[in-house]
Amino acid sequence: MTNEADLPAVPEMRLELVPVPVSDVERAKAFYQQAGFGNLHDTQVTDAMRVVQFTPPGSACAIVFGTGMGPITDMQPGSVKGLHLVVQDIQAARGALVARGIEVGEVSDIGGVKYAWFSDPDGNLWGLQQWPEGYQG
């Protein structure tokens, strides 16, 4: 067995793009715009390939969906579960989404961590998450 100290350090890696499988690109685009995601990039690369990218407010990581993107668009629509959007104030975040017409579940407290869940039209599941006051990550 290799000792961790003998291994080279792994360079910094930033998660910057997460595929979200959808069945209807226009419907998904409308939903994520309604949910307040921004920095939209919608590119028709070829007749068969369309790439739509959004970024949640305040995030460094975007989502992508579209057509003709090989294994990304071969994913089962609605199969992504548990994407977390970490927020400072879950009541304010939930309220803003509800005011925009997004159906968001009630806030639950699990050991001091608060969650509220919502889904896109295909059933991809998103969680609003608020860490306890004073939490240092």
N, C-alpha and C. Protein backbone atom coordinates (compact mmCIF):
# COMPACT_ATOMS: atom_id res chain seq x y z
N MET A 1 0.84 -1.19 0.00
CA MET A 1 0.00 0.00 0.00
C MET A 1 0.88 1.24 0.00
N THR A 2 0.51 2.24 -0.81
CA THR A 2 1.31 3.46 -0.94
C THR A 2 1.00 4.40 0.22
N ASN A 3 2.06 4.99 0.77
CA ASN A 3 1.92 5.95 1.84
C ASN A 3 1.54 7.30 1.21
N GLU A 4 0.52 7.97 1.75
CA GLU A 4 0.05 9.27 1.24
C GLU A 4 1.20 10.26 1.15
N ALA A 5 2.12 10.23 2.10
CA ALA A 5 3.25 11.17 2.11
C ALA A 5 4.18 10.97 0.91
N ASP A 6 4.15 9.77 0.31
CA ASP A 6 5.00 9.48 -0.84
C ASP A 6 4.37 9.89 -2.17
N LEU A 7 3.13 10.29 -2.13
CA LEU A 7 2.41 10.65 -3.36
C LEU A 7 2.56 12.13 -3.67
N PRO A 8 2.54 12.50 -4.94
CA PRO A 8 2.62 13.93 -5.29
C PRO A 8 1.34 14.65 -4.86
N ALA A 9 1.46 15.90 -4.55
CA ALA A 9 0.28 16.71 -4.20
C ALA A 9 -0.58 16.85 -5.44
N VAL A 10 -1.87 16.85 -5.25
CA VAL A 10 -2.81 17.03 -6.36
C VAL A 10 -3.02 18.53 -6.54
N PRO A 11 -2.86 19.03 -7.76
CA PRO A 11 -3.07 20.46 -8.00
C PRO A 11 -4.51 20.87 -7.69
N GLU A 12 -4.71 22.15 -7.47
CA GLU A 12 -6.05 22.68 -7.21
C GLU A 12 -6.99 22.31 -8.36
N MET A 13 -8.20 21.90 -8.00
CA MET A 13 -9.24 21.58 -8.98
C MET A 13 -10.51 22.28 -8.56
N ARG A 14 -11.10 23.04 -9.46
CA ARG A 14 -12.32 23.78 -9.14
C ARG A 14 -13.49 23.17 -9.91
N LEU A 15 -14.54 22.85 -9.20
CA LEU A 15 -15.76 22.40 -9.85
C LEU A 15 -16.45 23.64 -10.40
N GLU A 16 -16.57 23.73 -11.71
CA GLU A 16 -17.12 24.94 -12.33
C GLU A 16 -18.32 24.68 -13.23
N LEU A 17 -18.64 23.42 -13.52
CA LEU A 17 -19.75 23.13 -14.42
C LEU A 17 -20.35 21.77 -14.07
N VAL A 18 -21.67 21.76 -13.85
CA VAL A 18 -22.38 20.52 -13.53
C VAL A 18 -23.47 20.30 -14.57
N PRO A 19 -23.47 19.15 -15.26
CA PRO A 19 -24.53 18.86 -16.21
C PRO A 19 -25.84 18.54 -15.48
N VAL A 20 -26.93 19.09 -15.99
CA VAL A 20 -28.26 18.82 -15.46
C VAL A 20 -29.10 18.30 -16.63
N PRO A 21 -29.46 17.01 -16.60
CA PRO A 21 -30.17 16.43 -17.73
C PRO A 21 -31.65 16.83 -17.77
N VAL A 22 -32.06 17.35 -18.93
CA VAL A 22 -33.44 17.80 -19.11
C VAL A 22 -34.02 17.21 -20.39
N SER A 23 -35.35 17.14 -20.47
CA SER A 23 -36.00 16.60 -21.65
C SER A 23 -36.42 17.68 -22.64
N ASP A 24 -36.60 18.91 -22.16
CA ASP A 24 -37.06 20.01 -23.00
C ASP A 24 -36.22 21.24 -22.67
N VAL A 25 -35.33 21.60 -23.58
CA VAL A 25 -34.37 22.68 -23.33
C VAL A 25 -35.07 24.01 -23.09
N GLU A 26 -36.07 24.35 -23.88
CA GLU A 26 -36.77 25.63 -23.71
C GLU A 26 -37.49 25.69 -22.37
N ARG A 27 -38.15 24.61 -21.98
CA ARG A 27 -38.85 24.57 -20.69
C ARG A 27 -37.86 24.71 -19.54
N ALA A 28 -36.72 24.01 -19.62
CA ALA A 28 -35.70 24.10 -18.58
C ALA A 28 -35.11 25.51 -18.53
N LYS A 29 -34.85 26.09 -19.70
CA LYS A 29 -34.30 27.45 -19.74
C LYS A 29 -35.26 28.43 -19.07
N ALA A 30 -36.54 28.32 -19.35
CA ALA A 30 -37.54 29.21 -18.73
C ALA A 30 -37.58 29.01 -17.22
N PHE A 31 -37.49 27.77 -16.76
CA PHE A 31 -37.52 27.49 -15.32
C PHE A 31 -36.32 28.12 -14.62
N TYR A 32 -35.13 27.90 -15.14
CA TYR A 32 -33.94 28.42 -14.46
C TYR A 32 -33.87 29.95 -14.52
N GLN A 33 -34.40 30.54 -15.59
CA GLN A 33 -34.51 32.01 -15.61
C GLN A 33 -35.50 32.46 -14.54
N GLN A 34 -36.62 31.78 -14.42
CA GLN A 34 -37.62 32.11 -13.41
C GLN A 34 -37.04 31.97 -12.00
N ALA A 35 -36.17 30.97 -11.82
CA ALA A 35 -35.54 30.74 -10.51
C ALA A 35 -34.42 31.73 -10.22
N GLY A 36 -34.13 32.64 -11.15
CA GLY A 36 -33.14 33.69 -10.90
C GLY A 36 -31.71 33.32 -11.25
N PHE A 37 -31.50 32.17 -11.90
CA PHE A 37 -30.16 31.84 -12.35
C PHE A 37 -29.80 32.81 -13.46
N GLY A 38 -28.53 33.19 -13.55
CA GLY A 38 -28.12 34.19 -14.52
C GLY A 38 -26.89 33.80 -15.29
N ASN A 39 -26.22 34.81 -15.84
CA ASN A 39 -25.03 34.64 -16.66
C ASN A 39 -25.30 33.62 -17.76
N LEU A 40 -26.42 33.79 -18.43
CA LEU A 40 -26.88 32.85 -19.45
C LEU A 40 -25.97 32.86 -20.68
N HIS A 41 -25.60 31.66 -21.10
CA HIS A 41 -24.93 31.44 -22.38
C HIS A 41 -25.76 30.40 -23.11
N ASP A 42 -26.30 30.75 -24.25
CA ASP A 42 -27.13 29.85 -25.05
C ASP A 42 -26.56 29.86 -26.46
N THR A 43 -25.89 28.77 -26.82
CA THR A 43 -25.16 28.72 -28.07
C THR A 43 -25.61 27.53 -28.91
N GLN A 44 -26.01 27.80 -30.13
CA GLN A 44 -26.32 26.75 -31.11
C GLN A 44 -25.01 26.47 -31.85
N VAL A 45 -24.29 25.45 -31.40
CA VAL A 45 -22.96 25.14 -31.93
C VAL A 45 -23.05 24.57 -33.34
N THR A 46 -23.95 23.60 -33.52
CA THR A 46 -24.23 23.01 -34.82
C THR A 46 -25.75 22.83 -34.90
N ASP A 47 -26.25 22.30 -36.02
CA ASP A 47 -27.68 22.03 -36.13
C ASP A 47 -28.16 21.10 -35.02
N ALA A 48 -27.29 20.17 -34.59
CA ALA A 48 -27.68 19.17 -33.59
C ALA A 48 -27.23 19.53 -32.17
N MET A 49 -26.29 20.46 -32.03
CA MET A 49 -25.71 20.73 -30.71
C MET A 49 -26.06 22.13 -30.22
N ARG A 50 -26.73 22.17 -29.09
CA ARG A 50 -27.05 23.43 -28.41
C ARG A 50 -26.58 23.33 -26.97
N VAL A 51 -25.91 24.36 -26.51
CA VAL A 51 -25.37 24.38 -25.15
C VAL A 51 -25.98 25.57 -24.41
N VAL A 52 -26.67 25.28 -23.29
CA VAL A 52 -27.27 26.31 -22.46
C VAL A 52 -26.61 26.22 -21.08
N GLN A 53 -26.07 27.34 -20.64
CA GLN A 53 -25.35 27.38 -19.37
C GLN A 53 -25.89 28.52 -18.52
N PHE A 54 -26.15 28.24 -17.25
CA PHE A 54 -26.62 29.21 -16.27
C PHE A 54 -25.75 29.12 -15.02
N THR A 55 -25.72 30.19 -14.24
CA THR A 55 -25.03 30.18 -12.96
C THR A 55 -25.99 30.64 -11.87
N PRO A 56 -26.10 29.86 -10.77
CA PRO A 56 -26.92 30.31 -9.65
C PRO A 56 -26.35 31.62 -9.09
N PRO A 57 -27.20 32.50 -8.56
CA PRO A 57 -26.72 33.78 -8.01
C PRO A 57 -25.61 33.56 -6.98
N GLY A 58 -24.48 34.24 -7.17
CA GLY A 58 -23.38 34.18 -6.21
C GLY A 58 -22.49 32.96 -6.31
N SER A 59 -22.75 32.08 -7.26
CA SER A 59 -21.99 30.83 -7.36
C SER A 59 -20.84 30.96 -8.35
N ALA A 60 -19.79 30.19 -8.12
CA ALA A 60 -18.69 30.08 -9.08
C ALA A 60 -18.89 28.87 -9.98
N CYS A 61 -19.90 28.07 -9.70
CA CYS A 61 -20.17 26.85 -10.46
C CYS A 61 -21.46 27.02 -11.25
N ALA A 62 -21.41 26.71 -12.53
CA ALA A 62 -22.57 26.83 -13.42
C ALA A 62 -23.18 25.46 -13.67
N ILE A 63 -24.36 25.47 -14.27
CA ILE A 63 -25.00 24.24 -14.75
C ILE A 63 -25.06 24.32 -16.27
N VAL A 64 -25.16 23.16 -16.91
CA VAL A 64 -25.26 23.11 -18.36
C VAL A 64 -26.27 22.04 -18.76
N PHE A 65 -27.03 22.34 -19.81
CA PHE A 65 -27.91 21.37 -20.44
C PHE A 65 -28.04 21.76 -21.90
N GLY A 66 -28.64 20.91 -22.68
CA GLY A 66 -28.81 21.22 -24.10
C GLY A 66 -29.07 19.99 -24.92
N THR A 67 -28.58 20.01 -26.16
CA THR A 67 -28.77 18.90 -27.09
C THR A 67 -27.45 18.58 -27.77
N GLY A 68 -27.30 17.33 -28.20
CA GLY A 68 -26.14 16.93 -28.99
C GLY A 68 -24.81 16.99 -28.28
N MET A 69 -24.81 16.87 -26.96
CA MET A 69 -23.56 16.94 -26.19
C MET A 69 -23.10 15.56 -25.72
N GLY A 70 -23.37 14.53 -26.52
CA GLY A 70 -22.89 13.18 -26.21
C GLY A 70 -23.38 12.68 -24.87
N PRO A 71 -22.45 12.21 -24.03
CA PRO A 71 -22.85 11.59 -22.75
C PRO A 71 -23.63 12.54 -21.83
N ILE A 72 -23.42 13.84 -21.97
CA ILE A 72 -24.15 14.79 -21.13
C ILE A 72 -25.64 14.76 -21.47
N THR A 73 -25.96 14.81 -22.75
CA THR A 73 -27.38 14.80 -23.13
C THR A 73 -27.94 13.39 -23.19
N ASP A 74 -27.10 12.38 -23.03
CA ASP A 74 -27.59 11.00 -22.93
C ASP A 74 -28.07 10.67 -21.52
N MET A 75 -27.75 11.53 -20.54
CA MET A 75 -28.17 11.28 -19.16
C MET A 75 -29.70 11.29 -19.07
N GLN A 76 -30.24 10.52 -18.14
CA GLN A 76 -31.68 10.44 -17.94
C GLN A 76 -32.20 11.76 -17.36
N PRO A 77 -33.14 12.44 -18.07
CA PRO A 77 -33.70 13.68 -17.53
C PRO A 77 -34.27 13.47 -16.12
N GLY A 78 -33.97 14.40 -15.23
CA GLY A 78 -34.47 14.33 -13.86
C GLY A 78 -33.68 13.44 -12.94
N SER A 79 -32.54 12.92 -13.39
CA SER A 79 -31.80 11.94 -12.58
C SER A 79 -30.81 12.56 -11.60
N VAL A 80 -30.62 13.88 -11.66
CA VAL A 80 -29.69 14.52 -10.72
C VAL A 80 -30.47 14.88 -9.46
N LYS A 81 -30.01 14.40 -8.34
CA LYS A 81 -30.71 14.61 -7.06
C LYS A 81 -29.75 15.17 -6.02
N GLY A 82 -30.18 16.20 -5.33
CA GLY A 82 -29.43 16.69 -4.19
C GLY A 82 -28.37 17.74 -4.48
N LEU A 83 -28.51 18.47 -5.57
CA LEU A 83 -27.61 19.60 -5.79
C LEU A 83 -27.90 20.62 -4.68
N HIS A 84 -26.86 21.09 -4.01
CA HIS A 84 -27.03 22.01 -2.87
C HIS A 84 -26.68 23.44 -3.25
N LEU A 85 -27.57 24.34 -2.92
CA LEU A 85 -27.33 25.77 -3.04
C LEU A 85 -27.22 26.30 -1.62
N VAL A 86 -26.01 26.62 -1.19
CA VAL A 86 -25.77 27.05 0.19
C VAL A 86 -26.10 28.54 0.29
N VAL A 87 -26.94 28.87 1.26
CA VAL A 87 -27.43 30.24 1.42
C VAL A 87 -27.18 30.73 2.84
N GLN A 88 -27.12 32.05 3.00
CA GLN A 88 -26.96 32.65 4.33
C GLN A 88 -28.27 32.64 5.10
N ASP A 89 -29.38 32.89 4.41
CA ASP A 89 -30.69 33.02 5.04
C ASP A 89 -31.69 32.19 4.24
N ILE A 90 -31.98 31.00 4.72
CA ILE A 90 -32.83 30.08 3.96
C ILE A 90 -34.25 30.60 3.81
N GLN A 91 -34.75 31.31 4.81
CA GLN A 91 -36.11 31.85 4.70
C GLN A 91 -36.18 32.90 3.58
N ALA A 92 -35.16 33.75 3.49
CA ALA A 92 -35.13 34.76 2.44
C ALA A 92 -34.98 34.12 1.06
N ALA A 93 -34.11 33.12 0.95
CA ALA A 93 -33.90 32.44 -0.33
C ALA A 93 -35.17 31.71 -0.75
N ARG A 94 -35.78 31.00 0.19
CA ARG A 94 -37.01 30.28 -0.11
C ARG A 94 -38.10 31.26 -0.52
N GLY A 95 -38.23 32.35 0.23
CA GLY A 95 -39.25 33.36 -0.07
C GLY A 95 -39.07 33.98 -1.45
N ALA A 96 -37.83 34.23 -1.84
CA ALA A 96 -37.56 34.81 -3.15
C ALA A 96 -37.96 33.83 -4.26
N LEU A 97 -37.64 32.56 -4.09
CA LEU A 97 -38.02 31.57 -5.10
C LEU A 97 -39.53 31.41 -5.18
N VAL A 98 -40.18 31.34 -4.03
CA VAL A 98 -41.65 31.21 -4.01
C VAL A 98 -42.29 32.43 -4.68
N ALA A 99 -41.77 33.62 -4.40
CA ALA A 99 -42.30 34.84 -5.02
C ALA A 99 -42.12 34.83 -6.53
N ARG A 100 -41.13 34.07 -7.02
CA ARG A 100 -40.89 33.94 -8.45
C ARG A 100 -41.71 32.80 -9.06
N GLY A 101 -42.54 32.15 -8.24
CA GLY A 101 -43.40 31.08 -8.74
C GLY A 101 -42.79 29.69 -8.69
N ILE A 102 -41.69 29.53 -7.97
CA ILE A 102 -41.06 28.22 -7.84
C ILE A 102 -41.64 27.53 -6.61
N GLU A 103 -42.06 26.29 -6.76
CA GLU A 103 -42.61 25.51 -5.64
C GLU A 103 -41.45 24.97 -4.82
N VAL A 104 -41.34 25.45 -3.58
CA VAL A 104 -40.26 25.05 -2.67
C VAL A 104 -40.89 24.46 -1.42
N GLY A 105 -40.38 23.33 -0.98
CA GLY A 105 -40.88 22.70 0.24
C GLY A 105 -40.60 23.56 1.46
N GLU A 106 -41.20 23.18 2.57
CA GLU A 106 -40.98 23.88 3.83
C GLU A 106 -39.55 23.67 4.31
N VAL A 107 -39.08 24.57 5.14
CA VAL A 107 -37.74 24.46 5.71
C VAL A 107 -37.75 23.41 6.82
N SER A 108 -36.77 22.53 6.78
CA SER A 108 -36.60 21.55 7.85
C SER A 108 -35.22 21.74 8.47
N ASP A 109 -35.13 21.43 9.75
CA ASP A 109 -33.88 21.58 10.50
C ASP A 109 -33.38 20.18 10.84
N ILE A 110 -32.21 19.84 10.31
CA ILE A 110 -31.64 18.52 10.56
C ILE A 110 -30.32 18.72 11.30
N GLY A 111 -30.38 18.62 12.62
CA GLY A 111 -29.19 18.79 13.44
C GLY A 111 -28.56 20.16 13.34
N GLY A 112 -29.36 21.19 13.16
CA GLY A 112 -28.86 22.56 13.07
C GLY A 112 -28.62 23.03 11.64
N VAL A 113 -28.63 22.12 10.68
CA VAL A 113 -28.49 22.48 9.27
C VAL A 113 -29.91 22.52 8.70
N LYS A 114 -30.24 23.63 8.04
CA LYS A 114 -31.59 23.81 7.51
C LYS A 114 -31.62 23.53 6.01
N TYR A 115 -32.72 22.90 5.57
CA TYR A 115 -32.90 22.54 4.16
C TYR A 115 -34.29 22.90 3.70
N ALA A 116 -34.41 23.22 2.42
CA ALA A 116 -35.69 23.34 1.72
C ALA A 116 -35.43 22.86 0.30
N TRP A 117 -36.33 22.04 -0.23
CA TRP A 117 -36.08 21.36 -1.49
C TRP A 117 -37.04 21.84 -2.59
N PHE A 118 -36.52 21.86 -3.82
CA PHE A 118 -37.37 22.14 -4.98
C PHE A 118 -36.82 21.36 -6.17
N SER A 119 -37.67 21.18 -7.18
CA SER A 119 -37.29 20.43 -8.37
C SER A 119 -37.54 21.25 -9.62
N ASP A 120 -36.75 20.98 -10.65
CA ASP A 120 -37.03 21.58 -11.95
C ASP A 120 -38.14 20.76 -12.62
N PRO A 121 -38.62 21.17 -13.78
CA PRO A 121 -39.74 20.46 -14.41
C PRO A 121 -39.47 18.99 -14.72
N ASP A 122 -38.21 18.58 -14.84
CA ASP A 122 -37.88 17.18 -15.09
C ASP A 122 -37.71 16.36 -13.82
N GLY A 123 -37.64 17.04 -12.67
CA GLY A 123 -37.46 16.32 -11.41
C GLY A 123 -36.04 16.33 -10.89
N ASN A 124 -35.14 17.09 -11.50
CA ASN A 124 -33.81 17.27 -10.90
C ASN A 124 -34.02 18.00 -9.58
N LEU A 125 -33.47 17.45 -8.51
CA LEU A 125 -33.75 17.93 -7.15
C LEU A 125 -32.66 18.85 -6.64
N TRP A 126 -33.08 20.03 -6.20
CA TRP A 126 -32.19 21.06 -5.65
C TRP A 126 -32.51 21.26 -4.18
N GLY A 127 -31.47 21.48 -3.37
CA GLY A 127 -31.67 21.78 -1.96
C GLY A 127 -31.07 23.12 -1.60
N LEU A 128 -31.89 23.96 -0.98
CA LEU A 128 -31.33 25.15 -0.32
C LEU A 128 -30.78 24.65 1.00
N GLN A 129 -29.58 25.07 1.36
CA GLN A 129 -28.96 24.63 2.61
C GLN A 129 -28.40 25.83 3.36
N GLN A 130 -28.71 25.89 4.64
CA GLN A 130 -28.15 26.95 5.50
C GLN A 130 -27.44 26.28 6.66
N TRP A 131 -26.16 26.61 6.80
CA TRP A 131 -25.37 26.09 7.92
C TRP A 131 -25.77 26.81 9.21
N PRO A 132 -25.51 26.19 10.36
CA PRO A 132 -25.83 26.86 11.64
C PRO A 132 -25.03 28.14 11.82
N GLU A 133 -25.58 29.06 12.57
CA GLU A 133 -24.92 30.32 12.91
C GLU A 133 -23.55 30.03 13.48
N GLY A 134 -22.53 30.72 12.96
CA GLY A 134 -21.16 30.57 13.47
C GLY A 134 -20.39 29.40 12.89
N TYR A 135 -21.01 28.62 11.99
CA TYR A 135 -20.31 27.49 11.37
C TYR A 135 -19.13 27.99 10.55
N GLN A 136 -18.01 27.36 10.71
CA GLN A 136 -16.80 27.68 9.95
C GLN A 136 -16.48 26.49 9.07
N GLY A 137 -16.64 26.63 7.74
CA GLY A 137 -16.42 25.52 6.81
C GLY A 137 -15.01 25.39 6.35
